[in-house]
Amino acid sequence: MDKFENAKGTCSKEMKEFFIHEISSARTIQEATLLYRLSEPFLPSCKFVLASDLGMEPGFSVNQDFSAGAAVRSLFHSKKVWVLDKSTLDEMRDGPAVFPIDYSISLDTQALSYLEPFMAGNIKRIPEDYAEVFRFISQDNVFVDPIPYCYENLRNISAGGNSEKIFAKLKAYEVLRNVDAKLLADEGIIRSKVPESDLIKGAQEHMARMYMNLDNKKFMDTLNFRHQFMYCQLLKMALIQLNNPQKSTHNKVVAFMDFCDEVLATLGGREIAVAKAYFEKGQGFTFFGKIQKNKEDIFEVLDGMAWDLWHVRFLEEAMTISPDPHARYFFPSILTFDKRFIEVMDLYPLKSLAYVEGENRPMPFYDGDWFGLVDDDSERQDKIAQRYYSTESVASRDERRSSCELTLDSTVVGLEEELNRLCPKAKPLRK
């Protein structure tokens, strides 16, 4: 507290980062609010969203479980959130703060792909709770989007025959967006409120945006890099585990963190938590259940898993970008039928997420003792903190990150070759 009270004049980058960390890691909402009030002059345009039992409800972007395993997952485990920003705090001085928010539930690729056969009555291979889920997402006040499906299928849209299949899926999404909710509730009939021509137009607009994205080199380079970055980390996790599954969990975690520190110049808390769960539980951590030495599709499976991890990181980034310019906050979540993915989401709930408006750079904070999550021995925790999180280590990664990013492709190729030697039956994706 003294550092806050004694801060005068200009504020260095290090001091701003200290303020953000202290507010985001505060023990209580009251403490976070007090710390924000004291440091707000040094944090222009900085916003904080904190998990809380108090505060506001972020629409339907909260955790929800359905009867057969489907789930909506947000970045937070709480049903409400507490927000901190200058405008909201100023309004709260004179009474309750009232402001518009926006939210959306992203349908993952499976969830959206099931729409078309469900509407056609082909339910043999559809999860048992899909009708329950459909009733939920078809409500007029529940907003859903197809972003995960559209992004994952950008690489497929130009391949022969795929464009028609993708169009059919997106047309089914347009039916969902325009479904006659009363007819569905009263008679169980799925029918659009708008004519067929409007459904076709809506699907065509989605397709047009996908083709525009394909032609946008900067967009595609960014998307491919972020997916490859996740894929790279998963390759390394698989190599460490499959090469020596009997090695201690601690040593495997250190090997992974060494790789992230030295080769990628980035330590992602969420990805390290995923690695720790895998190293500790092996295939008992079902997210990696299909990663076996004798399988031919290891690379394909890892590629799909990379999209899962990317979607979580995308939710974090989406919180910093509101689609509605009038909304003060945007709260994204994702609907999935994949129990393995749900396990990953539940592994790393956020205590808070901070960001500076206009920078699109989320700063997420884990809801718990992160060092305790990585290792249960206090002495080893101290060594990890000193080894990877000292001022010198952080500065070194910052300095090396750009050059490491330039070599990501060659890093991935090297890891694929190494994994292929370990798993000779596997068929690499690259030709």
Protein backbone atom coordinates (compact mmCIF):
# COMPACT_ATOMS: atom_id res chain seq x y z
CA MET A 1 0.00 0.00 0.00
CA ASP A 2 2.87 2.40 0.74
CA LYS A 3 4.05 2.17 -2.86
CA PHE A 4 0.64 3.33 -4.00
CA GLU A 5 0.42 6.14 -1.47
CA ASN A 6 3.94 7.41 -2.18
CA ALA A 7 3.73 7.26 -5.99
CA LYS A 8 4.19 10.77 -7.39
CA GLY A 9 4.56 12.31 -10.83
CA THR A 10 5.23 10.14 -13.85
CA CYS A 11 4.87 6.39 -13.74
CA SER A 12 7.38 3.98 -15.27
CA LYS A 13 6.39 0.85 -17.24
CA GLU A 14 7.54 -1.29 -14.32
CA MET A 15 5.42 0.69 -11.85
CA LYS A 16 2.34 0.41 -14.09
CA GLU A 17 2.85 -3.34 -14.31
CA PHE A 18 3.17 -3.45 -10.52
CA PHE A 19 -0.12 -1.56 -10.09
CA ILE A 20 -1.91 -3.84 -12.56
CA HIS A 21 -0.57 -6.96 -10.84
CA GLU A 22 -1.56 -5.76 -7.37
CA ILE A 23 -5.09 -4.81 -8.42
CA SER A 24 -5.63 -8.01 -10.40
CA SER A 25 -4.28 -10.18 -7.56
CA ALA A 26 -6.08 -8.42 -4.70
CA ARG A 27 -7.61 -10.71 -2.08
CA THR A 28 -11.03 -9.04 -2.17
CA ILE A 29 -13.09 -6.86 -4.49
CA GLN A 30 -13.00 -4.11 -1.88
CA GLU A 31 -9.19 -4.18 -1.81
CA ALA A 32 -8.99 -4.20 -5.62
CA THR A 33 -11.32 -1.20 -5.81
CA LEU A 34 -9.29 0.76 -3.24
CA LEU A 35 -6.02 -0.02 -5.02
CA TYR A 36 -7.55 1.03 -8.33
CA ARG A 37 -8.73 4.35 -6.91
CA LEU A 38 -5.21 5.07 -5.65
CA SER A 39 -3.46 4.11 -8.89
CA GLU A 40 -6.04 5.20 -11.48
CA PRO A 41 -4.17 8.44 -12.41
CA PHE A 42 -1.23 6.25 -13.54
CA LEU A 43 -3.38 3.76 -15.49
CA PRO A 44 -5.21 5.79 -18.16
CA SER A 45 -7.70 3.73 -20.18
CA CYS A 46 -6.92 0.59 -18.16
CA LYS A 47 -9.87 -1.69 -17.38
CA PHE A 48 -10.19 -4.62 -15.00
CA VAL A 49 -12.74 -7.45 -14.98
CA LEU A 50 -12.66 -9.54 -11.80
CA ALA A 51 -14.43 -12.76 -10.88
CA SER A 52 -16.87 -11.97 -8.08
CA ASP A 53 -20.02 -12.92 -6.21
CA LEU A 54 -20.93 -9.22 -6.36
CA GLY A 55 -21.34 -6.88 -9.28
CA MET A 56 -22.92 -7.44 -12.67
CA GLU A 57 -24.12 -10.45 -14.63
CA PRO A 58 -22.40 -10.73 -18.04
CA GLY A 59 -25.52 -11.77 -19.95
CA PHE A 60 -25.61 -15.49 -20.67
CA SER A 61 -21.80 -15.67 -20.93
CA VAL A 62 -21.51 -17.65 -17.70
CA ASN A 63 -20.71 -21.28 -17.02
CA GLN A 64 -23.60 -23.62 -17.66
CA ASP A 65 -23.79 -27.42 -17.87
CA PHE A 66 -26.31 -29.44 -19.85
CA SER A 67 -27.63 -32.89 -19.06
CA ALA A 68 -25.30 -35.05 -21.23
CA GLY A 69 -22.03 -33.14 -20.92
CA ALA A 70 -22.35 -30.11 -23.20
CA ALA A 71 -21.35 -26.85 -21.56
CA VAL A 72 -21.00 -23.12 -21.91
CA ARG A 73 -17.69 -21.95 -20.52
CA SER A 74 -16.53 -18.41 -19.85
CA LEU A 75 -13.09 -17.34 -18.69
CA PHE A 76 -14.35 -17.00 -15.10
CA HIS A 77 -15.98 -19.48 -12.74
CA SER A 78 -18.15 -16.87 -11.03
CA LYS A 79 -21.67 -16.00 -12.16
CA LYS A 80 -20.94 -12.30 -11.77
CA VAL A 81 -18.03 -9.96 -12.42
CA TRP A 82 -16.79 -6.74 -10.86
CA VAL A 83 -15.45 -4.15 -13.30
CA LEU A 84 -13.06 -1.28 -12.63
CA ASP A 85 -12.52 1.67 -14.95
CA LYS A 86 -12.57 5.44 -14.58
CA SER A 87 -16.08 6.03 -15.94
CA THR A 88 -17.66 3.30 -13.82
CA LEU A 89 -15.90 4.42 -10.63
CA ASP A 90 -16.88 8.06 -11.27
CA GLU A 91 -20.52 7.02 -11.67
CA MET A 92 -20.40 4.91 -8.50
CA ARG A 93 -19.47 7.97 -6.45
CA ASP A 94 -22.97 9.34 -7.05
CA GLY A 95 -24.87 6.05 -6.94
CA PRO A 96 -25.07 2.83 -8.96
CA ALA A 97 -23.24 2.74 -12.29
CA VAL A 98 -25.47 1.92 -15.24
CA PHE A 99 -23.95 1.21 -18.66
CA PRO A 100 -24.49 -1.02 -21.72
CA ILE A 101 -22.64 -4.32 -22.13
CA ASP A 102 -22.42 -6.87 -24.91
CA TYR A 103 -21.84 -10.63 -24.88
CA SER A 104 -21.75 -13.58 -27.24
CA ILE A 105 -21.52 -17.36 -26.94
CA SER A 106 -19.27 -18.82 -29.64
CA LEU A 107 -20.38 -22.16 -31.04
CA ASP A 108 -17.34 -24.38 -31.39
CA THR A 109 -16.95 -26.37 -34.62
CA GLN A 110 -18.79 -29.42 -33.30
CA ALA A 111 -21.67 -27.39 -31.87
CA LEU A 112 -22.25 -25.56 -35.15
CA SER A 113 -21.73 -28.65 -37.30
CA TYR A 114 -24.51 -30.48 -35.43
CA LEU A 115 -27.08 -27.78 -36.34
CA GLU A 116 -27.71 -28.96 -39.90
CA PRO A 117 -28.38 -32.66 -39.17
CA PHE A 118 -30.38 -31.78 -36.05
CA MET A 119 -32.70 -29.51 -38.01
CA ALA A 120 -33.08 -32.23 -40.65
CA GLY A 121 -34.05 -34.78 -37.99
CA ASN A 122 -30.86 -36.86 -38.36
CA ILE A 123 -30.13 -37.29 -34.68
CA LYS A 124 -28.41 -40.70 -34.55
CA ARG A 125 -24.90 -39.25 -34.14
CA ILE A 126 -25.90 -36.11 -32.29
CA PRO A 127 -25.35 -35.81 -28.51
CA GLU A 128 -28.35 -36.62 -26.35
CA ASP A 129 -28.57 -33.11 -24.92
CA TYR A 130 -28.50 -31.30 -28.28
CA ALA A 131 -32.24 -30.60 -28.22
CA GLU A 132 -31.80 -29.10 -24.76
CA VAL A 133 -28.90 -26.99 -26.00
CA PHE A 134 -30.83 -25.93 -29.10
CA ARG A 135 -33.74 -24.71 -27.00
CA PHE A 136 -31.30 -22.60 -25.01
CA ILE A 137 -29.38 -21.03 -27.90
CA SER A 138 -32.51 -20.43 -29.98
CA GLN A 139 -34.01 -18.02 -27.44
CA ASP A 140 -34.38 -14.46 -28.70
CA ASN A 141 -32.25 -13.03 -25.88
CA VAL A 142 -29.36 -15.52 -26.25
CA PHE A 143 -26.69 -14.33 -28.67
CA VAL A 144 -24.39 -16.84 -30.38
CA ASP A 145 -21.72 -16.52 -33.07
CA PRO A 146 -19.97 -18.91 -35.51
CA ILE A 147 -16.43 -17.52 -35.16
CA PRO A 148 -14.61 -20.76 -34.15
CA TYR A 149 -16.16 -22.66 -37.06
CA CYS A 150 -15.39 -19.92 -39.57
CA TYR A 151 -11.77 -19.53 -38.49
CA GLU A 152 -11.04 -23.25 -38.35
CA ASN A 153 -12.48 -23.74 -41.83
CA LEU A 154 -10.62 -20.94 -43.61
CA ARG A 155 -8.01 -23.45 -44.77
CA ASN A 156 -10.78 -25.75 -46.07
CA ILE A 157 -13.02 -23.28 -47.86
CA SER A 158 -11.06 -23.25 -51.11
CA ALA A 159 -10.62 -27.04 -51.23
CA GLY A 160 -12.78 -28.94 -53.69
CA GLY A 161 -16.32 -29.63 -52.47
CA ASN A 162 -15.83 -28.06 -49.05
CA SER A 163 -17.37 -24.69 -49.89
CA GLU A 164 -20.82 -26.25 -50.39
CA LYS A 165 -20.61 -28.12 -47.09
CA ILE A 166 -19.49 -24.99 -45.25
CA PHE A 167 -22.30 -22.98 -46.87
CA ALA A 168 -24.87 -25.55 -45.68
CA LYS A 169 -23.56 -25.33 -42.10
CA LEU A 170 -23.67 -21.53 -42.13
CA LYS A 171 -27.18 -21.54 -43.59
CA ALA A 172 -28.25 -23.75 -40.67
CA TYR A 173 -26.71 -21.14 -38.36
CA GLU A 174 -28.86 -18.49 -40.07
CA VAL A 175 -31.95 -20.61 -39.38
CA LEU A 176 -30.93 -20.69 -35.72
CA ARG A 177 -30.49 -16.91 -35.66
CA ASN A 178 -33.96 -16.42 -37.14
CA VAL A 179 -35.86 -19.36 -35.64
CA ASP A 180 -39.49 -18.90 -34.67
CA ALA A 181 -38.99 -19.33 -30.92
CA LYS A 182 -42.74 -19.46 -30.14
CA LEU A 183 -43.43 -22.19 -32.69
CA LEU A 184 -40.47 -24.15 -31.36
CA ALA A 185 -41.65 -23.79 -27.75
CA ASP A 186 -45.30 -24.57 -28.47
CA GLU A 187 -45.05 -27.31 -31.08
CA GLY A 188 -41.38 -28.31 -31.24
CA ILE A 189 -41.17 -27.26 -34.90
CA ILE A 190 -37.97 -25.63 -36.19
CA ARG A 191 -38.87 -22.97 -38.72
CA SER A 192 -37.26 -19.71 -39.72
CA LYS A 193 -39.17 -16.45 -39.32
CA VAL A 194 -37.54 -15.09 -42.48
CA PRO A 195 -37.81 -16.32 -46.09
CA GLU A 196 -35.35 -18.72 -47.69
CA SER A 197 -33.78 -15.88 -49.67
CA ASP A 198 -32.77 -14.12 -46.43
CA LEU A 199 -31.19 -17.30 -45.09
CA ILE A 200 -29.19 -17.72 -48.29
CA LYS A 201 -28.12 -14.08 -48.19
CA GLY A 202 -26.95 -14.41 -44.57
CA ALA A 203 -24.92 -17.54 -45.33
CA GLN A 204 -23.43 -15.87 -48.40
CA GLU A 205 -22.33 -12.93 -46.28
CA HIS A 206 -20.51 -15.29 -43.88
CA MET A 207 -18.83 -16.97 -46.83
CA ALA A 208 -17.84 -13.61 -48.31
CA ARG A 209 -16.19 -12.60 -45.01
CA MET A 210 -14.28 -15.88 -44.99
CA TYR A 211 -12.99 -15.31 -48.53
CA MET A 212 -12.05 -11.72 -47.61
CA ASN A 213 -10.08 -13.02 -44.64
CA LEU A 214 -8.34 -15.52 -46.91
CA ASP A 215 -7.22 -12.67 -49.15
CA ASN A 216 -6.07 -10.58 -46.19
CA LYS A 217 -2.41 -11.56 -45.82
CA LYS A 218 -1.91 -9.78 -42.50
CA PHE A 219 -4.97 -11.43 -41.00
CA MET A 220 -4.02 -14.90 -42.23
CA ASP A 221 -0.40 -14.54 -41.17
CA THR A 222 -1.52 -13.59 -37.66
CA LEU A 223 -4.09 -16.39 -37.44
CA ASN A 224 -1.65 -19.01 -38.74
CA PHE A 225 1.11 -17.83 -36.42
CA ARG A 226 -1.10 -18.03 -33.33
CA HIS A 227 -2.38 -21.48 -34.25
CA GLN A 228 1.15 -22.68 -34.99
CA PHE A 229 2.35 -21.27 -31.68
CA MET A 230 -0.14 -23.46 -29.82
CA TYR A 231 0.64 -26.44 -32.06
CA CYS A 232 4.35 -25.98 -31.35
CA GLN A 233 3.81 -26.14 -27.60
CA LEU A 234 1.62 -29.23 -27.91
CA LEU A 235 4.26 -30.96 -30.02
CA LYS A 236 6.82 -30.32 -27.29
CA MET A 237 4.46 -31.57 -24.57
CA ALA A 238 3.85 -34.80 -26.51
CA LEU A 239 7.57 -35.32 -27.11
CA ILE A 240 8.44 -34.89 -23.44
CA GLN A 241 5.70 -37.25 -22.27
CA LEU A 242 6.03 -39.97 -24.92
CA ASN A 243 9.82 -39.99 -24.83
CA ASN A 244 10.01 -40.74 -21.12
CA PRO A 245 6.63 -41.06 -19.36
CA GLN A 246 8.31 -42.33 -16.16
CA LYS A 247 10.29 -39.13 -15.70
CA SER A 248 9.16 -37.09 -12.69
CA THR A 249 6.39 -34.55 -13.26
CA HIS A 250 8.65 -31.78 -11.95
CA ASN A 251 11.45 -32.59 -14.39
CA LYS A 252 9.01 -32.76 -17.30
CA VAL A 253 7.52 -29.39 -16.36
CA VAL A 254 11.00 -27.86 -16.12
CA ALA A 255 11.90 -29.32 -19.54
CA PHE A 256 8.80 -27.73 -21.03
CA MET A 257 9.39 -24.39 -19.33
CA ASP A 258 13.02 -24.43 -20.51
CA PHE A 259 11.79 -24.88 -24.06
CA CYS A 260 9.24 -22.06 -23.76
CA ASP A 261 11.83 -19.78 -22.17
CA GLU A 262 14.75 -20.52 -24.48
CA VAL A 263 13.12 -21.33 -27.83
CA LEU A 264 9.84 -19.39 -27.76
CA ALA A 265 10.80 -16.60 -25.34
CA THR A 266 7.26 -16.81 -23.96
CA LEU A 267 5.89 -18.45 -20.83
CA GLY A 268 2.13 -18.91 -21.05
CA GLY A 269 0.58 -19.72 -17.69
CA ARG A 270 -2.42 -21.49 -19.20
CA GLU A 271 -0.27 -23.67 -21.49
CA ILE A 272 2.11 -24.57 -18.65
CA ALA A 273 -0.89 -25.62 -16.56
CA VAL A 274 -2.06 -27.87 -19.43
CA ALA A 275 1.43 -29.38 -19.70
CA LYS A 276 1.57 -30.01 -15.93
CA ALA A 277 -1.81 -31.80 -15.98
CA TYR A 278 -0.65 -33.98 -18.90
CA PHE A 279 2.70 -34.84 -17.34
CA GLU A 280 1.04 -35.69 -14.05
CA LYS A 281 -1.96 -37.69 -15.33
CA GLY A 282 -0.73 -38.97 -18.69
CA GLN A 283 -3.67 -40.18 -20.76
CA GLY A 284 -5.80 -39.79 -17.65
CA PHE A 285 -5.87 -36.15 -18.72
CA THR A 286 -8.38 -36.84 -21.48
CA PHE A 287 -7.41 -33.83 -23.61
CA PHE A 288 -4.35 -35.92 -24.58
CA GLY A 289 -6.20 -39.24 -24.59
CA LYS A 290 -5.70 -39.78 -28.33
CA ILE A 291 -1.96 -39.03 -28.28
CA GLN A 292 -0.41 -42.51 -28.43
CA LYS A 293 2.82 -43.73 -30.03
CA ASN A 294 1.14 -46.26 -32.30
CA LYS A 295 -1.46 -43.88 -33.75
CA GLU A 296 -1.28 -42.64 -37.34
CA ASP A 297 -3.20 -39.40 -36.75
CA ILE A 298 -1.13 -37.84 -33.95
CA PHE A 299 -0.28 -34.73 -35.96
CA GLU A 300 -3.88 -34.24 -37.09
CA VAL A 301 -5.13 -34.59 -33.51
CA LEU A 302 -2.52 -32.16 -32.18
CA ASP A 303 -3.51 -29.70 -34.90
CA GLY A 304 -7.13 -29.84 -33.70
CA MET A 305 -6.04 -29.49 -30.07
CA ALA A 306 -4.09 -26.38 -31.05
CA TRP A 307 -7.33 -24.83 -32.29
CA ASP A 308 -8.90 -25.57 -28.89
CA LEU A 309 -6.13 -23.74 -27.06
CA TRP A 310 -6.29 -20.91 -29.59
CA HIS A 311 -10.02 -20.49 -29.00
CA VAL A 312 -9.42 -19.95 -25.27
CA ARG A 313 -6.76 -17.34 -25.96
CA PHE A 314 -9.11 -15.75 -28.49
CA LEU A 315 -11.76 -15.38 -25.78
CA GLU A 316 -9.21 -13.44 -23.73
CA GLU A 317 -8.41 -11.15 -26.63
CA ALA A 318 -12.08 -10.75 -27.54
CA MET A 319 -12.74 -9.20 -24.13
CA THR A 320 -10.55 -6.26 -25.17
CA ILE A 321 -12.49 -5.65 -28.41
CA SER A 322 -16.21 -4.84 -28.20
CA PRO A 323 -18.16 -5.51 -31.42
CA ASP A 324 -20.71 -2.93 -30.23
CA PRO A 325 -19.05 0.52 -30.00
CA HIS A 326 -21.70 1.62 -27.50
CA ALA A 327 -20.95 -1.21 -25.06
CA ARG A 328 -18.55 -0.53 -22.21
CA TYR A 329 -17.62 -4.23 -21.86
CA PHE A 330 -17.84 -7.36 -23.99
CA PHE A 331 -18.12 -10.79 -22.39
CA PRO A 332 -17.38 -13.80 -24.65
CA SER A 333 -17.82 -17.49 -23.89
CA ILE A 334 -17.88 -20.75 -25.84
CA LEU A 335 -20.37 -23.60 -26.20
CA THR A 336 -18.85 -27.05 -26.67
CA PHE A 337 -19.80 -30.72 -26.55
CA ASP A 338 -16.17 -31.78 -26.16
CA LYS A 339 -15.65 -32.98 -22.58
CA ARG A 340 -11.88 -32.96 -23.13
CA PHE A 341 -11.99 -29.28 -24.03
CA ILE A 342 -14.23 -28.52 -21.04
CA GLU A 343 -11.59 -30.14 -18.83
CA VAL A 344 -8.99 -27.75 -20.25
CA MET A 345 -11.22 -24.72 -19.69
CA ASP A 346 -11.94 -25.75 -16.10
CA LEU A 347 -8.23 -26.21 -15.43
CA TYR A 348 -7.44 -22.50 -15.56
CA PRO A 349 -10.25 -20.13 -14.50
CA LEU A 350 -9.33 -16.46 -14.29
CA LYS A 351 -9.35 -14.35 -11.16
CA SER A 352 -9.16 -11.24 -13.30
CA LEU A 353 -8.35 -9.89 -16.73
CA ALA A 354 -6.87 -6.43 -17.27
CA TYR A 355 -6.38 -4.54 -20.50
CA VAL A 356 -5.75 -1.07 -21.88
CA GLU A 357 -8.41 0.13 -24.29
CA GLY A 358 -7.18 0.16 -27.85
CA GLU A 359 -4.18 -2.11 -27.29
CA ASN A 360 -5.94 -5.51 -27.67
CA ARG A 361 -3.48 -7.01 -25.21
CA PRO A 362 -5.22 -9.03 -22.49
CA MET A 363 -3.46 -9.55 -19.16
CA PRO A 364 -5.09 -12.61 -17.55
CA PHE A 365 -4.51 -13.67 -13.92
CA TYR A 366 -5.14 -17.21 -12.67
CA ASP A 367 -7.72 -17.70 -9.92
CA GLY A 368 -5.50 -19.46 -7.43
CA ASP A 369 -1.87 -20.01 -6.48
CA TRP A 370 -0.18 -20.38 -9.86
CA PHE A 371 3.14 -21.61 -8.47
CA GLY A 372 1.21 -24.11 -6.36
CA LEU A 373 -0.54 -25.29 -9.52
CA VAL A 374 2.82 -25.89 -11.24
CA ASP A 375 4.53 -27.63 -8.31
CA ASP A 376 3.42 -28.66 -4.82
CA ASP A 377 6.89 -28.30 -3.24
CA SER A 378 7.62 -24.81 -1.85
CA GLU A 379 11.39 -25.04 -2.41
CA ARG A 380 10.92 -26.02 -6.05
CA GLN A 381 8.37 -23.23 -6.42
CA ASP A 382 10.99 -20.73 -5.25
CA LYS A 383 13.52 -22.11 -7.74
CA ILE A 384 10.98 -21.85 -10.57
CA ALA A 385 10.22 -18.24 -9.59
CA GLN A 386 13.92 -17.33 -9.50
CA ARG A 387 14.78 -19.21 -12.68
CA TYR A 388 11.99 -17.98 -14.93
CA TYR A 389 10.42 -14.92 -13.36
CA SER A 390 13.34 -12.81 -12.16
CA THR A 391 13.63 -9.32 -13.62
CA GLU A 392 16.58 -10.51 -15.71
CA SER A 393 14.71 -13.55 -17.11
CA VAL A 394 11.65 -11.51 -18.05
CA ALA A 395 13.82 -8.85 -19.71
CA SER A 396 15.74 -11.53 -21.63
CA ARG A 397 12.52 -13.00 -23.04
CA ASP A 398 11.24 -9.56 -24.01
CA GLU A 399 14.49 -8.88 -25.87
CA ARG A 400 14.56 -12.25 -27.68
CA ARG A 401 10.86 -12.69 -28.48
CA SER A 402 10.80 -11.09 -31.92
CA SER A 403 13.70 -13.18 -33.22
CA CYS A 404 12.20 -16.37 -31.73
CA GLU A 405 8.90 -15.66 -33.49
CA LEU A 406 10.73 -15.43 -36.82
CA THR A 407 12.02 -18.99 -36.41
CA LEU A 408 8.70 -20.55 -35.32
CA ASP A 409 8.18 -22.41 -38.62
CA SER A 410 11.59 -24.07 -38.46
CA THR A 411 11.03 -24.90 -34.78
CA VAL A 412 7.76 -26.63 -35.65
CA VAL A 413 9.37 -28.59 -38.50
CA GLY A 414 12.14 -29.79 -36.18
CA LEU A 415 9.65 -30.90 -33.51
CA GLU A 416 7.51 -32.71 -36.09
CA GLU A 417 10.54 -34.60 -37.38
CA GLU A 418 11.55 -35.53 -33.84
CA LEU A 419 8.03 -36.73 -32.97
CA ASN A 420 7.83 -38.66 -36.24
CA ARG A 421 11.01 -40.55 -35.34
CA LEU A 422 9.47 -41.41 -31.98
CA CYS A 423 6.12 -42.34 -33.58
CA PRO A 424 6.99 -43.72 -37.05
CA LYS A 425 3.38 -44.72 -37.86
CA ALA A 426 2.25 -41.09 -37.62
CA LYS A 427 1.57 -39.25 -40.85
CA PRO A 428 2.86 -35.66 -40.82
CA LEU A 429 0.48 -32.95 -42.04
CA ARG A 430 3.20 -31.24 -44.04
CA LYS A 431 4.00 -32.68 -47.45
